[in-house]
N, C-alpha and C. Protein backbone atom coordinates (compact mmCIF):
# COMPACT_ATOMS: atom_id res chain seq x y z
N MET A 1 118.33 104.90 115.51
CA MET A 1 118.68 106.32 115.53
C MET A 1 117.89 106.87 116.31
N LYS A 2 118.40 107.96 117.15
CA LYS A 2 117.68 109.15 117.78
C LYS A 2 117.29 110.39 116.98
N THR A 3 116.39 110.79 117.17
CA THR A 3 115.95 111.95 116.71
C THR A 3 114.80 112.79 117.71
N THR A 4 114.65 113.88 117.51
CA THR A 4 113.87 114.91 118.09
C THR A 4 112.83 115.15 117.50
N LEU A 5 111.77 115.03 117.79
CA LEU A 5 110.33 115.32 117.44
C LEU A 5 109.72 116.72 118.36
N ASP A 6 109.08 117.71 117.47
CA ASP A 6 108.55 118.98 117.85
C ASP A 6 106.85 118.60 117.64
N LEU A 7 106.17 118.02 118.66
CA LEU A 7 104.61 117.68 118.20
C LEU A 7 104.01 118.76 119.74
N PRO A 8 102.45 119.08 118.98
CA PRO A 8 102.06 119.69 119.70
C PRO A 8 101.17 118.81 120.79
N ASP A 9 100.81 119.49 122.11
CA ASP A 9 100.96 118.77 123.25
C ASP A 9 99.98 117.93 123.28
N ASP A 10 98.79 118.16 122.82
CA ASP A 10 97.45 117.52 122.52
C ASP A 10 97.51 116.11 121.90
N LEU A 11 98.55 116.41 120.69
CA LEU A 11 98.77 115.05 120.10
C LEU A 11 99.75 113.91 120.64
N LEU A 12 100.52 114.57 121.18
CA LEU A 12 101.64 113.97 122.01
C LEU A 12 100.85 113.20 123.45
N MET A 13 99.97 114.02 123.71
CA MET A 13 99.08 113.21 124.62
C MET A 13 98.10 111.98 124.41
N GLU A 14 97.51 112.29 123.49
CA GLU A 14 96.86 111.15 122.40
C GLU A 14 97.60 110.11 122.43
N ALA A 15 98.86 110.05 121.49
CA ALA A 15 99.82 109.07 121.26
C ALA A 15 100.16 108.34 122.94
N LYS A 16 100.29 109.31 123.65
CA LYS A 16 101.08 108.26 125.31
C LYS A 16 99.85 107.55 125.55
N THR A 17 98.64 108.20 125.29
CA THR A 17 97.20 107.33 126.01
C THR A 17 96.87 106.39 125.38
N LEU A 18 97.28 106.27 123.99
CA LEU A 18 97.28 105.05 122.82
C LEU A 18 98.18 104.08 123.47
N ALA A 19 99.10 104.51 123.28
CA ALA A 19 100.19 103.63 123.71
C ALA A 19 100.13 102.75 125.13
N VAL A 20 99.45 103.84 126.37
CA VAL A 20 99.20 102.81 127.38
C VAL A 20 98.05 102.22 127.30
N ARG A 21 96.95 102.19 126.59
CA ARG A 21 95.90 101.43 126.31
C ARG A 21 96.41 100.23 125.82
N ARG A 22 97.22 100.27 124.64
CA ARG A 22 97.78 99.19 123.70
C ARG A 22 98.84 98.32 124.54
N LYS A 23 99.41 98.89 125.91
CA LYS A 23 100.60 98.43 126.49
C LYS A 23 101.54 98.28 125.71
N THR A 24 102.20 99.16 125.23
CA THR A 24 103.18 99.44 124.21
C THR A 24 103.99 100.92 124.79
N THR A 25 105.00 100.98 123.70
CA THR A 25 105.96 102.02 123.71
C THR A 25 104.97 103.15 123.01
N LEU A 26 105.64 104.60 123.23
CA LEU A 26 105.26 106.14 122.30
C LEU A 26 106.00 105.70 121.22
N LYS A 27 107.56 105.18 121.41
CA LYS A 27 108.20 104.62 120.28
C LYS A 27 107.30 103.78 119.31
N ALA A 28 106.99 102.70 119.62
CA ALA A 28 106.28 101.66 118.80
C ALA A 28 105.24 102.49 118.19
N ILE A 29 104.58 103.22 118.88
CA ILE A 29 102.99 103.91 118.31
C ILE A 29 103.75 104.77 117.05
N VAL A 30 104.79 105.59 117.28
CA VAL A 30 105.19 106.40 116.30
C VAL A 30 105.51 105.76 115.26
N GLU A 31 106.57 104.46 115.64
CA GLU A 31 106.94 103.75 114.06
C GLU A 31 106.17 103.14 113.31
N SER A 32 104.89 102.71 114.02
CA SER A 32 103.90 102.10 113.40
C SER A 32 103.01 103.15 112.34
N ALA A 33 103.02 104.11 112.96
CA ALA A 33 102.24 105.30 112.33
C ALA A 33 103.31 105.82 110.97
N LEU A 34 104.73 105.78 111.48
CA LEU A 34 105.22 106.27 109.97
C LEU A 34 105.35 105.30 109.10
N ARG A 35 105.32 103.79 109.41
CA ARG A 35 105.52 103.00 108.53
C ARG A 35 104.22 102.73 107.70
N ARG A 36 102.94 102.73 108.27
CA ARG A 36 101.94 102.77 107.46
C ARG A 36 101.93 103.87 106.76
N GLU A 37 102.19 105.14 106.85
CA GLU A 37 102.22 106.07 106.17
C GLU A 37 102.99 106.27 104.85
N LEU A 38 103.89 105.80 105.14
CA LEU A 38 105.16 105.29 104.08
C LEU A 38 104.95 103.93 103.27
N ARG A 39 104.26 103.26 103.41
CA ARG A 39 104.27 102.09 102.74
C ARG A 39 103.60 102.29 101.56
N PRO A 40 104.01 101.60 100.18
CA PRO A 40 103.66 101.90 99.20
C PRO A 40 101.86 101.83 99.00
N ALA A 41 101.52 102.64 98.08
CA ALA A 41 99.75 102.61 97.94
C ALA A 41 99.60 101.19 97.46
N ALA A 42 100.70 100.82 96.83
CA ALA A 42 100.01 98.93 96.26
C ALA A 42 99.87 98.06 97.43
N GLU A 43 100.18 98.65 98.53
CA GLU A 43 100.13 97.50 99.72
C GLU A 43 98.99 97.89 100.54
N MET A 44 98.30 98.67 99.73
CA MET A 44 96.82 99.25 100.58
C MET A 44 95.61 98.20 100.90
N GLU A 45 95.15 98.06 101.69
CA GLU A 45 94.31 96.96 101.83
C GLU A 45 93.01 97.62 100.75
N ASN A 46 92.57 96.82 99.76
CA ASN A 46 91.38 97.39 99.03
C ASN A 46 90.23 96.39 99.44
N PRO A 47 89.50 96.70 100.30
CA PRO A 47 88.27 95.68 100.66
C PRO A 47 87.13 95.64 99.55
N ASP A 48 87.44 95.84 98.70
CA ASP A 48 86.20 95.71 97.16
C ASP A 48 86.67 96.35 96.22
N PRO A 49 87.82 95.32 95.43
CA PRO A 49 88.47 95.94 94.28
C PRO A 49 87.25 96.25 93.18
N GLU A 50 86.27 95.69 93.16
CA GLU A 50 85.38 95.88 92.29
C GLU A 50 84.81 97.40 92.16
N LYS A 51 84.93 97.94 93.57
CA LYS A 51 84.38 99.61 93.43
C LYS A 51 85.36 100.29 93.95
N PHE A 52 86.69 99.87 94.21
CA PHE A 52 87.71 101.19 94.56
C PHE A 52 88.72 100.83 93.95
N GLU A 53 90.00 101.79 93.76
CA GLU A 53 91.28 101.65 93.24
C GLU A 53 91.90 102.52 94.37
N VAL A 54 93.02 102.38 94.30
CA VAL A 54 94.27 103.19 94.92
C VAL A 54 94.70 104.23 94.19
N GLY A 55 94.31 105.50 94.44
CA GLY A 55 94.50 106.82 93.69
C GLY A 55 96.03 107.22 93.66
N PRO A 56 96.18 108.14 93.02
CA PRO A 56 97.68 108.46 92.78
C PRO A 56 98.05 109.21 94.03
N PHE A 57 97.26 109.38 95.34
CA PHE A 57 97.74 109.84 96.69
C PHE A 57 97.67 108.73 97.46
N GLY A 58 97.35 107.54 97.01
CA GLY A 58 97.68 106.32 97.97
C GLY A 58 96.25 106.18 98.79
N LEU A 59 95.12 106.94 98.52
CA LEU A 59 94.28 106.61 99.15
C LEU A 59 92.91 105.83 98.09
N LEU A 60 92.00 105.02 98.83
CA LEU A 60 90.96 104.89 98.30
C LEU A 60 90.51 105.59 97.44
N CYS A 61 89.78 105.27 96.35
CA CYS A 61 88.70 106.18 95.29
C CYS A 61 88.10 105.31 94.78
N LEU A 62 86.62 105.58 94.60
CA LEU A 62 85.70 105.16 93.64
C LEU A 62 86.30 104.56 92.08
N LYS A 63 86.15 103.59 91.38
CA LYS A 63 86.51 103.09 90.30
C LYS A 63 85.78 104.41 89.54
N ARG A 64 86.32 104.63 87.96
CA ARG A 64 85.53 105.10 87.13
C ARG A 64 84.55 104.32 86.64
N THR A 65 83.10 104.62 86.18
CA THR A 65 82.46 103.78 85.45
C THR A 65 82.12 104.14 84.08
N GLY A 66 82.46 105.21 83.80
CA GLY A 66 82.07 105.78 82.53
C GLY A 66 80.67 106.56 82.72
N ARG A 67 79.95 106.43 83.47
CA ARG A 67 78.69 107.28 83.78
C ARG A 67 78.70 108.12 85.17
N THR A 68 77.85 109.21 85.40
CA THR A 68 78.05 110.29 86.53
C THR A 68 77.23 109.73 87.27
N LYS A 69 77.42 110.15 88.45
CA LYS A 69 76.58 109.31 89.83
C LYS A 69 75.84 111.09 90.31
N SER A 70 74.80 110.88 90.68
CA SER A 70 74.08 111.97 90.79
C SER A 70 74.36 111.85 92.67
N ALA A 71 74.23 113.20 93.18
CA ALA A 71 74.51 113.66 94.60
C ALA A 71 73.91 112.46 95.44
N GLU A 72 72.79 112.12 95.34
CA GLU A 72 72.11 110.82 96.17
C GLU A 72 72.77 109.60 95.86
N GLU A 73 73.37 109.33 94.74
CA GLU A 73 74.07 108.16 94.73
C GLU A 73 75.37 108.12 95.26
N ILE A 74 75.80 109.18 95.02
CA ILE A 74 77.24 109.06 95.48
C ILE A 74 76.90 108.97 97.31
N GLN A 75 75.93 109.98 98.09
CA GLN A 75 75.89 110.09 99.62
C GLN A 75 75.65 108.43 100.02
N HIS A 76 74.54 107.60 99.06
CA HIS A 76 74.33 106.69 99.48
C HIS A 76 75.80 105.16 99.30
N LEU A 77 76.38 105.66 98.29
CA LEU A 77 77.70 105.11 98.49
C LEU A 77 78.46 104.97 99.43
N ILE A 78 78.32 106.44 100.08
CA ILE A 78 79.48 107.04 101.51
C ILE A 78 78.62 106.40 102.34
N ASP A 79 77.67 106.39 102.65
CA ASP A 79 76.83 105.76 103.81
C ASP A 79 76.83 104.31 103.65
N GLU A 80 77.02 103.69 102.79
CA GLU A 80 76.92 102.13 102.52
C GLU A 80 78.42 101.76 102.95
N ASP A 81 79.38 102.52 102.61
CA ASP A 81 80.40 101.89 102.90
C ASP A 81 81.45 102.42 103.72
N ALA A 82 81.17 103.41 104.72
CA ALA A 82 81.55 104.28 105.80
C ALA A 82 82.33 103.20 106.17
N ARG A 83 82.27 101.68 106.54
CA ARG A 83 83.18 100.96 107.20
C ARG A 83 84.55 101.00 106.32
N VAL A 84 84.56 100.99 104.84
CA VAL A 84 85.60 101.04 104.10
C VAL A 84 86.46 102.26 104.52
N ILE A 85 85.57 103.59 104.70
CA ILE A 85 86.49 104.81 104.54
C ILE A 85 86.90 104.70 106.14
N ALA A 86 86.68 103.95 107.03
CA ALA A 86 87.03 103.93 108.60
C ALA A 86 88.40 103.10 107.98
N ILE A 87 88.43 102.00 107.32
CA ILE A 87 89.75 101.29 106.98
C ILE A 87 90.76 101.91 106.40
N ALA A 88 90.60 102.98 105.67
CA ALA A 88 91.40 103.82 104.45
C ALA A 88 92.11 104.76 105.57
N THR A 89 91.08 105.29 106.36
CA THR A 89 91.65 106.21 107.03
C THR A 89 92.47 105.73 108.59
N GLY A 90 92.30 104.71 109.09
CA GLY A 90 93.20 103.84 110.11
C GLY A 90 92.06 104.04 111.37
N LYS A 91 90.80 104.36 110.97
CA LYS A 91 89.91 104.51 112.07
C LYS A 91 89.08 103.37 112.54
N ALA A 92 89.34 102.31 111.65
CA ALA A 92 88.92 100.86 112.11
C ALA A 92 89.54 100.18 113.09
């Protein structure tokens, strides 16, 4: 089915550039992004089910352990698991 999208110029240029780098089409890039965005949260990859769960908005979040964490502990977890955050946001 054909449709028309009104995209910001910079976003369109980035998508076209990505398509060229991946030796594919703009259509394939848009389709892949839409499928990834629309897939059910249950299908998300969870690299460490002991630490993370898929939250109500389909994003990975830390599991509740029953105890509170200090700001330093949270920062340490973020730094330690930057790879997981990159995977969850599709930037890996």
